[in-house]
Amino acid sequence: MQVVLEYLNGNKKINSAIAAELLGVEVKTASRLLSKAEKLEILKGDGKTKNKVYSVL
């Protein structure tokens, strides 16, 4: 998750496809990780399931 937070230091938003590439996992796995970070109030999600993007709170 640290890699995602570092990415967000230089970029405003991230989606599961970008997170999957950064983390070296499948898109669905990245989506679950981003969703979990949202529930833990680390990230803020915007949009619907397929087009959801995340940003730092």
C-alpha atoms as a PDB file:
ATOM      1  CA  MET A   1       0.000   0.000   0.000  1.00  0.00           C
ATOM      2  CA  GLN A   2       3.002   2.273   0.539  1.00  0.00           C
ATOM      3  CA  VAL A   3       3.629   2.212  -3.225  1.00  0.00           C
ATOM      4  CA  VAL A   4       0.093   3.488  -3.837  1.00  0.00           C
ATOM      5  CA  LEU A   5       0.505   6.303  -1.308  1.00  0.00           C
ATOM      6  CA  GLU A   6       3.825   7.312  -2.884  1.00  0.00           C
ATOM      7  CA  TYR A   7       2.111   7.383  -6.293  1.00  0.00           C
ATOM      8  CA  LEU A   8      -0.576   9.646  -4.852  1.00  0.00           C
ATOM      9  CA  ASN A   9       2.080  12.098  -3.622  1.00  0.00           C
ATOM     10  CA  GLY A  10       2.761  13.011  -7.248  1.00  0.00           C
ATOM     11  CA  ASN A  11      -0.702  12.334  -8.693  1.00  0.00           C
ATOM     12  CA  LYS A  12      -4.152  13.367  -7.560  1.00  0.00           C
ATOM     13  CA  LYS A  13      -6.026  10.112  -8.228  1.00  0.00           C
ATOM     14  CA  ILE A  14      -5.478   6.405  -8.782  1.00  0.00           C
ATOM     15  CA  ASN A  15      -7.702   3.657 -10.141  1.00  0.00           C
ATOM     16  CA  SER A  16      -7.488  -0.106  -9.713  1.00  0.00           C
ATOM     17  CA  ALA A  17      -5.751  -0.660 -13.070  1.00  0.00           C
ATOM     18  CA  ILE A  18      -2.879   1.661 -12.132  1.00  0.00           C
ATOM     19  CA  ALA A  19      -2.725   0.213  -8.610  1.00  0.00           C
ATOM     20  CA  ALA A  20      -2.592  -3.316 -10.044  1.00  0.00           C
ATOM     21  CA  GLU A  21       0.376  -2.370 -12.219  1.00  0.00           C
ATOM     22  CA  LEU A  22       2.198  -0.705  -9.319  1.00  0.00           C
ATOM     23  CA  LEU A  23       1.553  -3.584  -6.917  1.00  0.00           C
ATOM     24  CA  GLY A  24       2.052  -6.416  -9.409  1.00  0.00           C
ATOM     25  CA  VAL A  25      -1.362  -7.962  -8.749  1.00  0.00           C
ATOM     26  CA  GLU A  26      -4.592  -8.555 -10.689  1.00  0.00           C
ATOM     27  CA  VAL A  27      -6.988  -5.639 -11.160  1.00  0.00           C
ATOM     28  CA  LYS A  28      -9.640  -7.289  -8.949  1.00  0.00           C
ATOM     29  CA  THR A  29      -7.120  -7.721  -6.133  1.00  0.00           C
ATOM     30  CA  ALA A  30      -6.039  -4.087  -6.446  1.00  0.00           C
ATOM     31  CA  SER A  31      -9.687  -3.043  -6.381  1.00  0.00           C
ATOM     32  CA  ARG A  32     -10.241  -4.971  -3.142  1.00  0.00           C
ATOM     33  CA  LEU A  33      -7.137  -3.397  -1.576  1.00  0.00           C
ATOM     34  CA  LEU A  34      -8.215   0.116  -2.552  1.00  0.00           C
ATOM     35  CA  SER A  35     -11.707  -0.555  -1.225  1.00  0.00           C
ATOM     36  CA  LYS A  36     -10.270  -1.783   2.065  1.00  0.00           C
ATOM     37  CA  ALA A  37      -8.106   1.361   2.319  1.00  0.00           C
ATOM     38  CA  GLU A  38     -11.264   3.409   1.777  1.00  0.00           C
ATOM     39  CA  LYS A  39     -13.059   1.577   4.586  1.00  0.00           C
ATOM     40  CA  LEU A  40     -10.064   2.216   6.861  1.00  0.00           C
ATOM     41  CA  GLU A  41     -10.309   5.915   5.904  1.00  0.00           C
ATOM     42  CA  ILE A  42      -6.850   5.987   4.311  1.00  0.00           C
ATOM     43  CA  LEU A  43      -8.214   6.826   0.854  1.00  0.00           C
ATOM     44  CA  LYS A  44     -11.380   8.506  -0.415  1.00  0.00           C
ATOM     45  CA  GLY A  45     -13.284   6.826  -3.247  1.00  0.00           C
ATOM     46  CA  ASP A  46     -15.164   8.653  -5.976  1.00  0.00           C
ATOM     47  CA  GLY A  47     -17.485   7.117  -8.563  1.00  0.00           C
ATOM     48  CA  LYS A  48     -19.136   3.804  -9.296  1.00  0.00           C
ATOM     49  CA  THR A  49     -17.597   0.333  -9.236  1.00  0.00           C
ATOM     50  CA  LYS A  50     -16.104   0.190 -12.744  1.00  0.00           C
ATOM     51  CA  ASN A  51     -14.987   3.838 -12.908  1.00  0.00           C
ATOM     52  CA  LYS A  52     -14.038   4.364  -9.282  1.00  0.00           C
ATOM     53  CA  VAL A  53     -10.975   6.499  -8.531  1.00  0.00           C
ATOM     54  CA  TYR A  54      -9.294   7.054  -5.186  1.00  0.00           C
ATOM     55  CA  SER A  55      -7.487  10.008  -3.678  1.00  0.00           C
ATOM     56  CA  VAL A  56      -5.828  10.821  -0.379  1.00  0.00           C
ATOM     57  CA  LEU A  57      -8.140  12.148   2.332  1.00  0.00           C
END
